[in-house]
Protein backbone atom coordinates (compact mmCIF):
# COMPACT_ATOMS: atom_id res chain seq x y z
CA MET A 1 -0.14 0.23 -0.10
CA PRO A 2 2.08 3.02 -1.17
CA ARG A 3 2.11 5.79 2.39
CA ALA A 4 0.71 9.22 1.74
CA LYS A 5 2.76 12.36 1.49
CA ILE A 6 1.34 14.09 4.31
CA ALA A 7 3.95 16.86 4.29
CA ASP A 8 2.54 17.90 0.53
CA VAL A 9 -1.04 18.60 1.68
CA GLN A 10 -1.44 22.25 2.31
CA PRO A 11 -4.79 24.10 3.47
CA THR A 12 -5.79 26.04 0.10
CA ALA A 13 -6.76 29.04 2.43
CA LYS A 14 -4.01 29.86 4.25
CA PRO A 15 -0.12 29.97 3.72
CA ALA A 16 2.25 27.81 5.33
CA ALA A 17 3.72 30.24 7.43
CA ASP A 18 0.22 30.62 9.03
CA SER A 19 0.58 26.89 10.22
CA ASP A 20 3.28 27.62 12.66
CA ASN A 21 1.27 29.96 14.34
CA THR A 22 -1.95 27.94 14.90
CA ARG A 23 0.35 25.48 16.18
CA ALA A 24 1.73 27.94 18.54
CA SER A 25 -1.40 29.28 19.66
CA ILE A 26 -3.14 25.87 20.15
CA ALA A 27 0.12 25.21 22.55
CA ASP A 28 -0.07 28.29 24.44
CA SER A 29 -3.94 27.53 25.18
CA ARG A 30 -3.51 24.24 27.08
CA PRO A 31 -4.45 25.11 30.68
CA THR A 32 -1.00 25.05 32.02
CA GLY A 33 -2.36 24.83 35.75
CA ALA A 34 -3.75 21.47 35.66
CA VAL A 35 -1.50 19.64 33.62
CA ALA A 36 1.60 20.68 35.43
CA THR A 37 -0.14 20.55 38.95
CA GLY A 38 -0.84 16.82 38.02
CA SER A 39 2.88 15.80 36.64
CA ASN A 40 4.80 17.77 39.03
CA THR A 41 3.18 16.29 42.14
CA ARG A 42 3.26 12.92 41.06
CA THR A 43 6.99 13.49 40.60
CA THR A 44 7.22 14.94 43.51
CA GLN A 45 5.85 11.64 45.16
CA GLU A 46 7.99 9.39 43.31
CA GLN A 47 10.99 11.88 44.65
CA VAL A 48 9.83 11.55 47.99
CA LEU A 49 9.13 7.72 48.35
CA ALA A 50 12.75 7.16 46.33
CA ALA A 51 14.55 8.91 48.73
CA THR A 52 13.15 7.54 51.45
CA ALA A 53 13.82 4.29 50.31
CA VAL A 54 17.31 4.81 50.04
CA ALA A 55 17.37 6.66 53.66
CA GLU A 56 15.79 3.25 55.03
CA LEU A 57 18.08 0.89 53.11
CA LEU A 58 21.32 3.55 54.38
CA THR A 59 19.64 3.46 57.97
CA THR A 60 19.25 -0.82 57.99
CA ALA A 61 23.16 -1.24 56.19
CA THR A 62 25.02 0.98 58.73
CA MET A 63 22.83 0.23 62.02
CA ASN A 64 22.60 -3.27 61.22
CA PRO A 65 26.01 -4.60 59.67
CA ALA A 66 26.36 -8.14 61.07
CA ARG A 67 22.58 -9.07 60.25
CA GLU A 68 22.44 -11.69 57.43
CA PRO A 69 20.96 -9.72 54.39
CA ILE A 70 17.50 -10.98 54.43
CA ALA A 71 16.95 -11.04 50.78
CA ASN A 72 19.12 -14.25 50.64
CA ASN A 73 17.24 -15.86 53.52
CA PRO A 74 15.29 -18.75 51.66
CA MET A 75 12.70 -18.67 54.90
CA ALA A 76 12.04 -14.69 54.45
CA THR A 77 8.67 -13.99 53.25
CA ASP A 78 8.30 -11.63 50.03
CA ALA A 79 7.67 -8.60 52.38
CA GLU A 80 10.19 -9.29 54.81
CA LYS A 81 12.58 -9.36 51.41
CA LYS A 82 11.29 -5.74 50.45
CA THR A 83 11.10 -3.83 53.60
CA PRO A 84 14.25 -2.98 55.24
CA THR A 85 14.64 -3.61 59.01
CA PRO A 86 14.07 -1.07 61.53
CA PRO A 87 17.25 -0.63 63.99
CA ASN A 88 16.71 -1.52 67.48
CA ASN A 89 17.54 1.22 68.77
CA THR A 90 14.93 3.80 68.03
CA ASP A 91 17.41 6.60 70.29
CA LEU A 92 20.39 6.67 67.66
CA LEU A 93 17.83 7.65 65.02
CA ILE A 94 16.68 10.86 63.26
CA ALA A 95 12.96 11.85 62.18
CA LEU A 96 12.78 13.34 58.99
CA LEU A 97 9.55 15.59 58.13
CA LEU A 98 8.31 16.50 55.02
CA ALA A 99 6.67 19.95 56.02
CA ARG A 100 4.83 22.20 53.54
CA PRO A 101 6.57 25.88 52.43
CA GLU A 102 5.05 27.95 55.08
CA ILE A 103 6.70 25.74 57.55
CA LYS A 104 9.86 27.05 57.72
CA SER A 105 11.09 25.48 61.30
CA VAL A 106 9.92 22.91 63.86
CA SER A 107 8.55 25.73 66.19
CA ASP A 108 6.03 26.23 63.23
CA LEU A 109 4.19 23.06 64.18
CA THR A 110 3.22 23.91 67.61
CA GLY A 111 -0.20 23.15 67.96
CA LYS A 112 -0.70 21.75 64.69
CA THR A 113 -0.88 17.96 63.38
CA ILE A 114 1.68 15.84 62.23
CA ALA A 115 0.58 13.09 59.98
CA ILE A 116 2.23 9.85 60.26
CA ASP A 117 2.51 6.24 58.83
CA ASN A 118 0.87 2.98 61.24
CA ARG A 119 4.10 1.60 60.60
CA TYR A 120 5.94 4.05 63.13
CA ALA A 121 2.82 3.54 66.14
CA ALA A 122 5.47 2.15 68.32
CA SER A 123 7.70 4.82 67.93
CA ASN A 124 4.95 7.35 68.41
CA ASP A 125 5.71 8.58 71.61
CA LYS A 126 9.48 9.21 71.30
CA ILE A 127 8.40 10.87 68.03
CA ARG A 128 6.13 13.43 69.69
CA THR A 129 8.29 13.68 72.63
CA ALA A 130 11.31 15.02 70.21
CA ILE A 131 9.25 17.05 68.02
CA VAL A 132 8.02 18.99 71.09
CA ALA A 133 11.59 19.15 72.54
CA ALA A 134 12.79 20.46 69.17
CA GLY A 135 10.14 23.44 69.93
CA ALA A 136 6.97 22.55 68.61
CA ASN A 137 4.34 22.64 71.41
CA GLU A 138 1.45 20.82 71.59
CA ALA A 139 2.18 19.30 68.13
CA GLN A 140 -0.02 15.75 67.78
CA LEU A 141 0.46 12.92 65.89
CA SER A 142 -2.37 11.77 63.08
CA ASP A 143 -2.20 8.48 61.80
CA GLY A 144 -4.93 8.10 58.98
CA GLU A 145 -6.05 5.66 56.30
CA ALA A 146 -4.32 7.45 53.66
CA GLU A 147 -0.63 7.75 53.56
CA ALA A 148 1.35 10.47 55.66
CA THR A 149 3.09 11.75 52.37
CA ASP A 150 -0.26 11.91 50.67
CA ARG A 151 -1.98 13.85 53.30
CA VAL A 152 0.80 16.29 53.62
CA MET A 153 0.79 16.45 49.70
CA SER A 154 -2.60 17.25 49.68
CA GLY A 155 -2.72 20.04 52.21
CA ASP A 156 -4.56 17.81 54.72
CA VAL A 157 -1.59 18.32 57.34
CA PRO A 158 1.40 20.80 57.52
CA ALA A 159 4.11 18.14 58.01
CA ALA A 160 4.34 14.21 57.84
CA ILE A 161 6.76 11.64 59.17
CA LEU A 162 8.66 10.42 56.54
CA ALA A 163 11.13 7.77 58.27
CA LEU A 164 12.86 7.46 61.30
CA VAL A 165 16.74 7.09 60.14
CA SER A 166 20.35 7.25 61.06
CA SER A 167 22.54 10.70 61.13
CA GLU A 168 24.38 9.92 57.87
CA ALA A 169 20.90 9.10 55.80
CA ALA A 170 19.36 12.06 57.37
CA ASP A 171 22.50 13.77 56.08
CA GLY A 172 22.22 12.91 52.62
CA PHE A 173 18.15 13.60 52.19
CA PRO A 174 17.76 15.26 49.49
CA GLU A 175 16.01 19.03 49.46
CA ILE A 176 12.01 18.30 47.92
CA GLY A 177 11.17 21.16 45.49
CA GLY A 178 8.01 23.24 46.75
CA PHE A 179 8.62 21.01 50.64
CA LYS A 180 11.01 21.62 53.39
CA ILE A 181 12.96 18.69 55.17
CA LEU A 182 12.89 19.12 58.49
CA ARG A 183 15.56 16.69 60.72
CA ILE A 184 15.08 15.51 64.26
CA PRO A 185 17.05 13.68 66.71
CA LEU A 186 14.68 10.93 68.53
CA SER A 187 17.35 11.84 71.80
CA SER A 188 19.36 14.61 72.67
CA PRO A 189 22.93 15.20 71.95
CA PRO A 190 25.52 14.02 75.04
CA LEU A 191 26.53 16.94 77.03
CA LYS A 192 29.98 17.86 76.82
CA ALA A 193 31.45 18.15 80.28
CA ARG A 194 32.18 21.63 80.79
CA PRO A 195 35.64 22.62 81.14
CA GLN A 196 36.71 23.28 84.79
């Protein structure tokens, strides 16, 4: 079957130079807000999820180095192979918070609700105590049916706990465009002896 020559077909009423202007006006008439918002939100969520996964893996590797890799264990379930094992000593961890742009520091979370996923339920008290100690009096942790990151990105809450990670993983966690990353140690740094 012979191919049609599309390039040779020109509208009879308008010259070829006008077709470039028509393409430009069609491109300019697209609603930029709807397209950009949907694609940027998904990209941001994917970036947060990827960075969190890397931070959790780094934490597991640095805090549980003697542990046999579960991925090579034939007795491990599929869920155990994919989920990093949280370190035993949560006192050595840093809580990573993803905050909306209006939150400039931890103290801006005073009296506000912070989203947290159920997987951190055992550490809720330590996390809340650390947040209050960092300057956010009366801050509350709230778990819900939706993921914590989804709740902060939709504007439902001003901040969300992303992960509990090692100090190395927290230091290497990237900035996320349009959001603020807050790092809160779960334990107070050791007091230095005063010179006498």
